[in-house]
Amino acid sequence: MEHFAETPTWSQYANLLGSSLRHLRLGRGLSQEQVAMAAGISRYTYQKFEKGESRPGTSANPSLQNVLALSQVFGVPIEELLPSTPPDLSDR
């Protein structure tokens, strides 16, 4: 997982989370559809999480329930999904 010398922005954080999801999915040989179905979300929503965007220019913001579901699908603690450095939320 990438680490920043400084606190990441929310956009950077969402992109790191997306990279983590993609890495875990590919490492397990799963399709986006398989992960989404197992997590109880749509493939489109999961694709947006992996991309780190909900719309062009708008960072993804998955719910805690979705993040927990994805950690269960991958069989990893939630800490393994989330980037280690929390984002700076002061500029929202």
PDB file of N, CA and C in Angstrom:
ATOM      1  N   MET A   1       0.838  -1.172   0.000  1.00  0.00           N
ATOM      2  CA  MET A   1       0.000   0.000   0.000  1.00  0.00           C
ATOM      3  C   MET A   1       0.885   1.238   0.000  1.00  0.00           C
ATOM      4  N   GLU A   2       0.453   2.259  -0.712  1.00  0.00           N
ATOM      5  CA  GLU A   2       1.202   3.517  -0.785  1.00  0.00           C
ATOM      6  C   GLU A   2       1.097   4.276   0.532  1.00  0.00           C
ATOM      7  N   HIS A   3       2.158   5.001   0.817  1.00  0.00           N
ATOM      8  CA  HIS A   3       2.152   5.871   1.986  1.00  0.00           C
ATOM      9  C   HIS A   3       2.525   7.268   1.534  1.00  0.00           C
ATOM     10  N   PHE A   4       1.959   8.273   2.164  1.00  0.00           N
ATOM     11  CA  PHE A   4       2.235   9.660   1.828  1.00  0.00           C
ATOM     12  C   PHE A   4       3.117  10.266   2.900  1.00  0.00           C
ATOM     13  N   ALA A   5       4.029  11.133   2.472  1.00  0.00           N
ATOM     14  CA  ALA A   5       4.868  11.855   3.425  1.00  0.00           C
ATOM     15  C   ALA A   5       3.991  12.782   4.259  1.00  0.00           C
ATOM     16  N   GLU A   6       2.932  13.285   3.643  1.00  0.00           N
ATOM     17  CA  GLU A   6       1.988  14.156   4.331  1.00  0.00           C
ATOM     18  C   GLU A   6       0.625  13.475   4.344  1.00  0.00           C
ATOM     19  N   THR A   7      -0.301  14.088   5.013  1.00  0.00           N
ATOM     20  CA  THR A   7      -1.653  13.551   5.086  1.00  0.00           C
ATOM     21  C   THR A   7      -2.305  13.598   3.708  1.00  0.00           C
ATOM     22  N   PRO A   8      -2.877  12.459   3.253  1.00  0.00           N
ATOM     23  CA  PRO A   8      -3.514  12.468   1.935  1.00  0.00           C
ATOM     24  C   PRO A   8      -4.817  13.259   1.938  1.00  0.00           C
ATOM     25  N   THR A   9      -5.186  13.759   0.778  1.00  0.00           N
ATOM     26  CA  THR A   9      -6.502  14.373   0.609  1.00  0.00           C
ATOM     27  C   THR A   9      -7.531  13.251   0.545  1.00  0.00           C
ATOM     28  N   TRP A  10      -8.810  13.614   0.623  1.00  0.00           N
ATOM     29  CA  TRP A  10      -9.844  12.582   0.508  1.00  0.00           C
ATOM     30  C   TRP A  10      -9.748  11.886  -0.850  1.00  0.00           C
ATOM     31  N   SER A  11      -9.482  12.618  -1.894  1.00  0.00           N
ATOM     32  CA  SER A  11      -9.364  12.042  -3.231  1.00  0.00           C
ATOM     33  C   SER A  11      -8.233  11.012  -3.284  1.00  0.00           C
ATOM     34  N   GLN A  12      -7.086  11.350  -2.721  1.00  0.00           N
ATOM     35  CA  GLN A  12      -5.964  10.408  -2.687  1.00  0.00           C
ATOM     36  C   GLN A  12      -6.319   9.180  -1.854  1.00  0.00           C
ATOM     37  N   TYR A  13      -6.983   9.399  -0.745  1.00  0.00           N
ATOM     38  CA  TYR A  13      -7.392   8.304   0.135  1.00  0.00           C
ATOM     39  C   TYR A  13      -8.352   7.355  -0.586  1.00  0.00           C
ATOM     40  N   ALA A  14      -9.339   7.914  -1.276  1.00  0.00           N
ATOM     41  CA  ALA A  14     -10.301   7.099  -2.026  1.00  0.00           C
ATOM     42  C   ALA A  14      -9.597   6.307  -3.121  1.00  0.00           C
ATOM     43  N   ASN A  15      -8.615   6.914  -3.769  1.00  0.00           N
ATOM     44  CA  ASN A  15      -7.858   6.204  -4.805  1.00  0.00           C
ATOM     45  C   ASN A  15      -7.028   5.075  -4.212  1.00  0.00           C
ATOM     46  N   LEU A  16      -6.447   5.295  -3.040  1.00  0.00           N
ATOM     47  CA  LEU A  16      -5.680   4.238  -2.375  1.00  0.00           C
ATOM     48  C   LEU A  16      -6.584   3.080  -1.963  1.00  0.00           C
ATOM     49  N   LEU A  17      -7.766   3.399  -1.458  1.00  0.00           N
ATOM     50  CA  LEU A  17      -8.726   2.354  -1.112  1.00  0.00           C
ATOM     51  C   LEU A  17      -9.092   1.560  -2.358  1.00  0.00           C
ATOM     52  N   GLY A  18      -9.337   2.248  -3.460  1.00  0.00           N
ATOM     53  CA  GLY A  18      -9.653   1.574  -4.718  1.00  0.00           C
ATOM     54  C   GLY A  18      -8.533   0.660  -5.175  1.00  0.00           C
ATOM     55  N   SER A  19      -7.302   1.103  -5.033  1.00  0.00           N
ATOM     56  CA  SER A  19      -6.146   0.277  -5.407  1.00  0.00           C
ATOM     57  C   SER A  19      -6.067  -0.965  -4.536  1.00  0.00           C
ATOM     58  N   SER A  20      -6.358  -0.803  -3.264  1.00  0.00           N
ATOM     59  CA  SER A  20      -6.350  -1.930  -2.338  1.00  0.00           C
ATOM     60  C   SER A  20      -7.414  -2.955  -2.728  1.00  0.00           C
ATOM     61  N   LEU A  21      -8.612  -2.474  -3.044  1.00  0.00           N
ATOM     62  CA  LEU A  21      -9.692  -3.370  -3.466  1.00  0.00           C
ATOM     63  C   LEU A  21      -9.310  -4.131  -4.731  1.00  0.00           C
ATOM     64  N   ARG A  22      -8.773  -3.419  -5.689  1.00  0.00           N
ATOM     65  CA  ARG A  22      -8.382  -4.050  -6.957  1.00  0.00           C
ATOM     66  C   ARG A  22      -7.295  -5.098  -6.730  1.00  0.00           C
ATOM     67  N   HIS A  23      -6.304  -4.761  -5.927  1.00  0.00           N
ATOM     68  CA  HIS A  23      -5.205  -5.684  -5.637  1.00  0.00           C
ATOM     69  C   HIS A  23      -5.733  -6.972  -4.993  1.00  0.00           C
ATOM     70  N   LEU A  24      -6.599  -6.829  -4.006  1.00  0.00           N
ATOM     71  CA  LEU A  24      -7.168  -8.002  -3.338  1.00  0.00           C
ATOM     72  C   LEU A  24      -8.021  -8.830  -4.296  1.00  0.00           C
ATOM     73  N   ARG A  25      -8.824  -8.152  -5.102  1.00  0.00           N
ATOM     74  CA  ARG A  25      -9.698  -8.871  -6.041  1.00  0.00           C
ATOM     75  C   ARG A  25      -8.890  -9.662  -7.058  1.00  0.00           C
ATOM     76  N   LEU A  26      -7.905  -9.011  -7.661  1.00  0.00           N
ATOM     77  CA  LEU A  26      -7.092  -9.689  -8.670  1.00  0.00           C
ATOM     78  C   LEU A  26      -6.266 -10.807  -8.052  1.00  0.00           C
ATOM     79  N   GLY A  27      -5.778 -10.586  -6.843  1.00  0.00           N
ATOM     80  CA  GLY A  27      -4.999 -11.610  -6.156  1.00  0.00           C
ATOM     81  C   GLY A  27      -5.802 -12.862  -5.856  1.00  0.00           C
ATOM     82  N   ARG A  28      -7.108 -12.725  -5.797  1.00  0.00           N
ATOM     83  CA  ARG A  28      -7.977 -13.871  -5.529  1.00  0.00           C
ATOM     84  C   ARG A  28      -8.634 -14.409  -6.798  1.00  0.00           C
ATOM     85  N   GLY A  29      -8.304 -13.798  -7.918  1.00  0.00           N
ATOM     86  CA  GLY A  29      -8.855 -14.262  -9.188  1.00  0.00           C
ATOM     87  C   GLY A  29     -10.350 -14.048  -9.321  1.00  0.00           C
ATOM     88  N   LEU A  30     -10.859 -12.988  -8.723  1.00  0.00           N
ATOM     89  CA  LEU A  30     -12.292 -12.711  -8.755  1.00  0.00           C
ATOM     90  C   LEU A  30     -12.614 -11.606  -9.748  1.00  0.00           C
ATOM     91  N   SER A  31     -13.813 -11.661 -10.287  1.00  0.00           N
ATOM     92  CA  SER A  31     -14.291 -10.578 -11.147  1.00  0.00           C
ATOM     93  C   SER A  31     -14.948  -9.511 -10.274  1.00  0.00           C
ATOM     94  N   GLN A  32     -15.120  -8.329 -10.848  1.00  0.00           N
ATOM     95  CA  GLN A  32     -15.833  -7.274 -10.128  1.00  0.00           C
ATOM     96  C   GLN A  32     -17.258  -7.721  -9.817  1.00  0.00           C
ATOM     97  N   GLU A  33     -17.866  -8.421 -10.737  1.00  0.00           N
ATOM     98  CA  GLU A  33     -19.233  -8.920 -10.547  1.00  0.00           C
ATOM     99  C   GLU A  33     -19.306  -9.878  -9.355  1.00  0.00           C
ATOM    100  N   GLN A  34     -18.339 -10.786  -9.249  1.00  0.00           N
ATOM    101  CA  GLN A  34     -18.330 -11.746  -8.142  1.00  0.00           C
ATOM    102  C   GLN A  34     -18.186 -11.040  -6.795  1.00  0.00           C
ATOM    103  N   VAL A  35     -17.286 -10.088  -6.723  1.00  0.00           N
ATOM    104  CA  VAL A  35     -17.077  -9.354  -5.471  1.00  0.00           C
ATOM    105  C   VAL A  35     -18.333  -8.570  -5.115  1.00  0.00           C
ATOM    106  N   ALA A  36     -18.883  -7.869  -6.086  1.00  0.00           N
ATOM    107  CA  ALA A  36     -20.074  -7.056  -5.838  1.00  0.00           C
ATOM    108  C   ALA A  36     -21.235  -7.914  -5.343  1.00  0.00           C
ATOM    109  N   MET A  37     -21.481  -9.030  -6.006  1.00  0.00           N
ATOM    110  CA  MET A  37     -22.581  -9.911  -5.595  1.00  0.00           C
ATOM    111  C   MET A  37     -22.370 -10.418  -4.175  1.00  0.00           C
ATOM    112  N   ALA A  38     -21.151 -10.838  -3.861  1.00  0.00           N
ATOM    113  CA  ALA A  38     -20.857 -11.363  -2.529  1.00  0.00           C
ATOM    114  C   ALA A  38     -21.007 -10.284  -1.452  1.00  0.00           C
ATOM    115  N   ALA A  39     -20.742  -9.035  -1.813  1.00  0.00           N
ATOM    116  CA  ALA A  39     -20.842  -7.922  -0.861  1.00  0.00           C
ATOM    117  C   ALA A  39     -22.247  -7.329  -0.800  1.00  0.00           C
ATOM    118  N   GLY A  40     -23.116  -7.736  -1.714  1.00  0.00           N
ATOM    119  CA  GLY A  40     -24.481  -7.213  -1.722  1.00  0.00           C
ATOM    120  C   GLY A  40     -24.604  -5.817  -2.300  1.00  0.00           C
ATOM    121  N   ILE A  41     -23.706  -5.484  -3.240  1.00  0.00           N
ATOM    122  CA  ILE A  41     -23.764  -4.184  -3.911  1.00  0.00           C
ATOM    123  C   ILE A  41     -23.780  -4.417  -5.420  1.00  0.00           C
ATOM    124  N   SER A  42     -24.090  -3.391  -6.170  1.00  0.00           N
ATOM    125  CA  SER A  42     -24.107  -3.537  -7.624  1.00  0.00           C
ATOM    126  C   SER A  42     -22.680  -3.533  -8.174  1.00  0.00           C
ATOM    127  N   ARG A  43     -22.506  -4.122  -9.339  1.00  0.00           N
ATOM    128  CA  ARG A  43     -21.196  -4.118  -9.993  1.00  0.00           C
ATOM    129  C   ARG A  43     -20.772  -2.683 -10.282  1.00  0.00           C
ATOM    130  N   TYR A  44     -21.706  -1.865 -10.703  1.00  0.00           N
ATOM    131  CA  TYR A  44     -21.422  -0.463 -11.000  1.00  0.00           C
ATOM    132  C   TYR A  44     -20.860   0.252  -9.765  1.00  0.00           C
ATOM    133  N   THR A  45     -21.502   0.039  -8.627  1.00  0.00           N
ATOM    134  CA  THR A  45     -21.032   0.657  -7.382  1.00  0.00           C
ATOM    135  C   THR A  45     -19.635   0.172  -7.043  1.00  0.00           C
ATOM    136  N   TYR A  46     -19.412  -1.134  -7.161  1.00  0.00           N
ATOM    137  CA  TYR A  46     -18.077  -1.668  -6.860  1.00  0.00           C
ATOM    138  C   TYR A  46     -17.032  -1.086  -7.814  1.00  0.00           C
ATOM    139  N   GLN A  47     -17.371  -0.970  -9.088  1.00  0.00           N
ATOM    140  CA  GLN A  47     -16.437  -0.384 -10.055  1.00  0.00           C
ATOM    141  C   GLN A  47     -16.053   1.030  -9.635  1.00  0.00           C
ATOM    142  N   LYS A  48     -17.020   1.781  -9.163  1.00  0.00           N
ATOM    143  CA  LYS A  48     -16.749   3.148  -8.719  1.00  0.00           C
ATOM    144  C   LYS A  48     -15.824   3.149  -7.500  1.00  0.00           C
ATOM    145  N   PHE A  49     -16.004   2.204  -6.587  1.00  0.00           N
ATOM    146  CA  PHE A  49     -15.109   2.113  -5.429  1.00  0.00           C
ATOM    147  C   PHE A  49     -13.680   1.836  -5.884  1.00  0.00           C
ATOM    148  N   GLU A  50     -13.518   0.895  -6.815  1.00  0.00           N
ATOM    149  CA  GLU A  50     -12.174   0.578  -7.314  1.00  0.00           C
ATOM    150  C   GLU A  50     -11.550   1.768  -8.032  1.00  0.00           C
ATOM    151  N   LYS A  51     -12.372   2.508  -8.733  1.00  0.00           N
ATOM    152  CA  LYS A  51     -11.871   3.670  -9.470  1.00  0.00           C
ATOM    153  C   LYS A  51     -11.563   4.839  -8.532  1.00  0.00           C
ATOM    154  N   GLY A  52     -12.197   4.851  -7.368  1.00  0.00           N
ATOM    155  CA  GLY A  52     -11.989   5.940  -6.418  1.00  0.00           C
ATOM    156  C   GLY A  52     -12.839   7.155  -6.710  1.00  0.00           C
ATOM    157  N   GLU A  53     -13.783   7.013  -7.635  1.00  0.00           N
ATOM    158  CA  GLU A  53     -14.668   8.123  -8.014  1.00  0.00           C
ATOM    159  C   GLU A  53     -16.108   7.650  -8.065  1.00  0.00           C
ATOM    160  N   SER A  54     -17.016   8.511  -7.627  1.00  0.00           N
ATOM    161  CA  SER A  54     -18.433   8.196  -7.790  1.00  0.00           C
ATOM    162  C   SER A  54     -18.966   8.806  -9.078  1.00  0.00           C
ATOM    163  N   ARG A  55     -18.415   9.960  -9.445  1.00  0.00           N
ATOM    164  CA  ARG A  55     -18.666  10.631 -10.726  1.00  0.00           C
ATOM    165  C   ARG A  55     -17.351  11.284 -11.103  1.00  0.00           C
ATOM    166  N   PRO A  56     -17.160  11.636 -12.355  1.00  0.00           N
ATOM    167  CA  PRO A  56     -15.908  12.327 -12.698  1.00  0.00           C
ATOM    168  C   PRO A  56     -15.715  13.569 -11.825  1.00  0.00           C
ATOM    169  N   GLY A  57     -14.579  13.628 -11.178  1.00  0.00           N
ATOM    170  CA  GLY A  57     -14.268  14.761 -10.323  1.00  0.00           C
ATOM    171  C   GLY A  57     -14.811  14.672  -8.907  1.00  0.00           C
ATOM    172  N   THR A  58     -15.547  13.611  -8.598  1.00  0.00           N
ATOM    173  CA  THR A  58     -16.105  13.421  -7.263  1.00  0.00           C
ATOM    174  C   THR A  58     -15.580  12.116  -6.683  1.00  0.00           C
ATOM    175  N   SER A  59     -14.893  12.210  -5.567  1.00  0.00           N
ATOM    176  CA  SER A  59     -14.289  11.030  -4.946  1.00  0.00           C
ATOM    177  C   SER A  59     -15.344  10.070  -4.426  1.00  0.00           C
ATOM    178  N   ALA A  60     -15.030   8.781  -4.496  1.00  0.00           N
ATOM    179  CA  ALA A  60     -15.910   7.759  -3.936  1.00  0.00           C
ATOM    180  C   ALA A  60     -15.978   7.935  -2.423  1.00  0.00           C
ATOM    181  N   ASN A  61     -17.105   7.546  -1.856  1.00  0.00           N
ATOM    182  CA  ASN A  61     -17.291   7.644  -0.410  1.00  0.00           C
ATOM    183  C   ASN A  61     -18.131   6.455   0.048  1.00  0.00           C
ATOM    184  N   PRO A  62     -17.530   5.246   0.038  1.00  0.00           N
ATOM    185  CA  PRO A  62     -18.306   4.063   0.409  1.00  0.00           C
ATOM    186  C   PRO A  62     -18.749   4.118   1.870  1.00  0.00           C
ATOM    187  N   SER A  63     -19.915   3.573   2.122  1.00  0.00           N
ATOM    188  CA  SER A  63     -20.421   3.538   3.496  1.00  0.00           C
ATOM    189  C   SER A  63     -19.597   2.553   4.318  1.00  0.00           C
ATOM    190  N   LEU A  64     -19.652   2.713   5.618  1.00  0.00           N
ATOM    191  CA  LEU A  64     -18.968   1.792   6.513  1.00  0.00           C
ATOM    192  C   LEU A  64     -19.493   0.377   6.307  1.00  0.00           C
ATOM    193  N   GLN A  65     -20.787   0.240   6.089  1.00  0.00           N
ATOM    194  CA  GLN A  65     -21.385  -1.074   5.852  1.00  0.00           C
ATOM    195  C   GLN A  65     -20.775  -1.721   4.611  1.00  0.00           C
ATOM    196  N   ASN A  66     -20.588  -0.951   3.541  1.00  0.00           N
ATOM    197  CA  ASN A  66     -19.989  -1.502   2.324  1.00  0.00           C
ATOM    198  C   ASN A  66     -18.530  -1.885   2.538  1.00  0.00           C
ATOM    199  N   VAL A  67     -17.786  -1.067   3.264  1.00  0.00           N
ATOM    200  CA  VAL A  67     -16.378  -1.381   3.527  1.00  0.00           C
ATOM    201  C   VAL A  67     -16.279  -2.656   4.367  1.00  0.00           C
ATOM    202  N   LEU A  68     -17.138  -2.795   5.370  1.00  0.00           N
ATOM    203  CA  LEU A  68     -17.142  -4.014   6.184  1.00  0.00           C
ATOM    204  C   LEU A  68     -17.521  -5.235   5.354  1.00  0.00           C
ATOM    205  N   ALA A  69     -18.514  -5.093   4.490  1.00  0.00           N
ATOM    206  CA  ALA A  69     -18.917  -6.206   3.629  1.00  0.00           C
ATOM    207  C   ALA A  69     -17.766  -6.627   2.725  1.00  0.00           C
ATOM    208  N   LEU A  70     -17.052  -5.662   2.163  1.00  0.00           N
ATOM    209  CA  LEU A  70     -15.925  -5.985   1.286  1.00  0.00           C
ATOM    210  C   LEU A  70     -14.790  -6.641   2.061  1.00  0.00           C
ATOM    211  N   SER A  71     -14.543  -6.205   3.282  1.00  0.00           N
ATOM    212  CA  SER A  71     -13.493  -6.850   4.075  1.00  0.00           C
ATOM    213  C   SER A  71     -13.867  -8.301   4.359  1.00  0.00           C
ATOM    214  N   GLN A  72     -15.147  -8.573   4.567  1.00  0.00           N
ATOM    215  CA  GLN A  72     -15.596  -9.947   4.787  1.00  0.00           C
ATOM    216  C   GLN A  72     -15.489 -10.779   3.515  1.00  0.00           C
ATOM    217  N   VAL A  73     -15.829 -10.198   2.375  1.00  0.00           N
ATOM    218  CA  VAL A  73     -15.706 -10.914   1.100  1.00  0.00           C
ATOM    219  C   VAL A  73     -14.258 -11.332   0.868  1.00  0.00           C
ATOM    220  N   PHE A  74     -13.329 -10.431   1.147  1.00  0.00           N
ATOM    221  CA  PHE A  74     -11.914 -10.724   0.922  1.00  0.00           C
ATOM    222  C   PHE A  74     -11.279 -11.490   2.078  1.00  0.00           C
ATOM    223  N   GLY A  75     -11.993 -11.605   3.192  1.00  0.00           N
ATOM    224  CA  GLY A  75     -11.463 -12.334   4.340  1.00  0.00           C
ATOM    225  C   GLY A  75     -10.286 -11.644   5.002  1.00  0.00           C
ATOM    226  N   VAL A  76     -10.340 -10.315   5.028  1.00  0.00           N
ATOM    227  CA  VAL A  76      -9.257  -9.541   5.644  1.00  0.00           C
ATOM    228  C   VAL A  76      -9.851  -8.576   6.664  1.00  0.00           C
ATOM    229  N   PRO A  77      -9.064  -8.176   7.661  1.00  0.00           N
ATOM    230  CA  PRO A  77      -9.557  -7.150   8.583  1.00  0.00           C
ATOM    231  C   PRO A  77      -9.747  -5.832   7.847  1.00  0.00           C
ATOM    232  N   ILE A  78     -10.664  -5.034   8.315  1.00  0.00           N
ATOM    233  CA  ILE A  78     -10.954  -3.758   7.660  1.00  0.00           C
ATOM    234  C   ILE A  78      -9.692  -2.899   7.550  1.00  0.00           C
ATOM    235  N   GLU A  79      -8.796  -3.025   8.514  1.00  0.00           N
ATOM    236  CA  GLU A  79      -7.556  -2.242   8.500  1.00  0.00           C
ATOM    237  C   GLU A  79      -6.703  -2.545   7.274  1.00  0.00           C
ATOM    238  N   GLU A  80      -6.854  -3.743   6.736  1.00  0.00           N
ATOM    239  CA  GLU A  80      -6.081  -4.104   5.552  1.00  0.00           C
ATOM    240  C   GLU A  80      -6.635  -3.438   4.290  1.00  0.00           C
ATOM    241  N   LEU A  81      -7.895  -3.097   4.301  1.00  0.00           N
ATOM    242  CA  LEU A  81      -8.495  -2.406   3.156  1.00  0.00           C
ATOM    243  C   LEU A  81      -8.176  -0.917   3.161  1.00  0.00           C
ATOM    244  N   LEU A  82      -8.203  -0.332   4.345  1.00  0.00           N
ATOM    245  CA  LEU A  82      -8.075   1.121   4.457  1.00  0.00           C
ATOM    246  C   LEU A  82      -6.618   1.570   4.444  1.00  0.00           C
ATOM    247  N   PRO A  83      -6.332   2.663   3.747  1.00  0.00           N
ATOM    248  CA  PRO A  83      -4.974   3.219   3.789  1.00  0.00           C
ATOM    249  C   PRO A  83      -4.580   3.551   5.228  1.00  0.00           C
ATOM    250  N   SER A  84      -3.298   3.409   5.522  1.00  0.00           N
ATOM    251  CA  SER A  84      -2.836   3.552   6.909  1.00  0.00           C
ATOM    252  C   SER A  84      -2.873   4.987   7.427  1.00  0.00           C
ATOM    253  N   THR A  85      -2.738   5.970   6.551  1.00  0.00           N
ATOM    254  CA  THR A  85      -2.764   7.368   6.982  1.00  0.00           C
ATOM    255  C   THR A  85      -4.143   7.959   6.713  1.00  0.00           C
ATOM    256  N   PRO A  86      -4.843   8.420   7.756  1.00  0.00           N
ATOM    257  CA  PRO A  86      -6.172   8.994   7.540  1.00  0.00           C
ATOM    258  C   PRO A  86      -6.103  10.263   6.690  1.00  0.00           C
ATOM    259  N   PRO A  87      -7.173  10.538   5.959  1.00  0.00           N
ATOM    260  CA  PRO A  87      -7.170  11.724   5.096  1.00  0.00           C
ATOM    261  C   PRO A  87      -7.383  13.011   5.877  1.00  0.00           C
ATOM    262  N   ASP A  88      -6.998  14.106   5.249  1.00  0.00           N
ATOM    263  CA  ASP A  88      -7.263  15.438   5.787  1.00  0.00           C
ATOM    264  C   ASP A  88      -8.664  15.835   5.329  1.00  0.00           C
ATOM    265  N   LEU A  89      -9.570  15.940   6.255  1.00  0.00           N
ATOM    266  CA  LEU A  89     -10.961  16.268   5.919  1.00  0.00           C
ATOM    267  C   LEU A  89     -11.300  17.733   6.148  1.00  0.00           C
ATOM    268  N   SER A  90     -10.311  18.543   6.439  1.00  0.00           N
ATOM    269  CA  SER A  90     -10.580  19.949   6.736  1.00  0.00           C
ATOM    270  C   SER A  90     -10.989  20.752   5.504  1.00  0.00           C
ATOM    271  N   ASP A  91     -10.695  20.248   4.316  1.00  0.00           N
ATOM    272  CA  ASP A  91     -10.992  20.988   3.080  1.00  0.00           C
ATOM    273  C   ASP A  91     -12.107  20.309   2.289  1.00  0.00           C
ATOM    274  N   ARG A  92     -13.224  19.995   2.970  1.00  0.00           N
ATOM    275  CA  ARG A  92     -14.314  19.277   2.303  1.00  0.00           C
ATOM    276  C   ARG A  92     -15.255  20.207   1.645  1.00  0.00           C
TER     277      ARG A  92
END
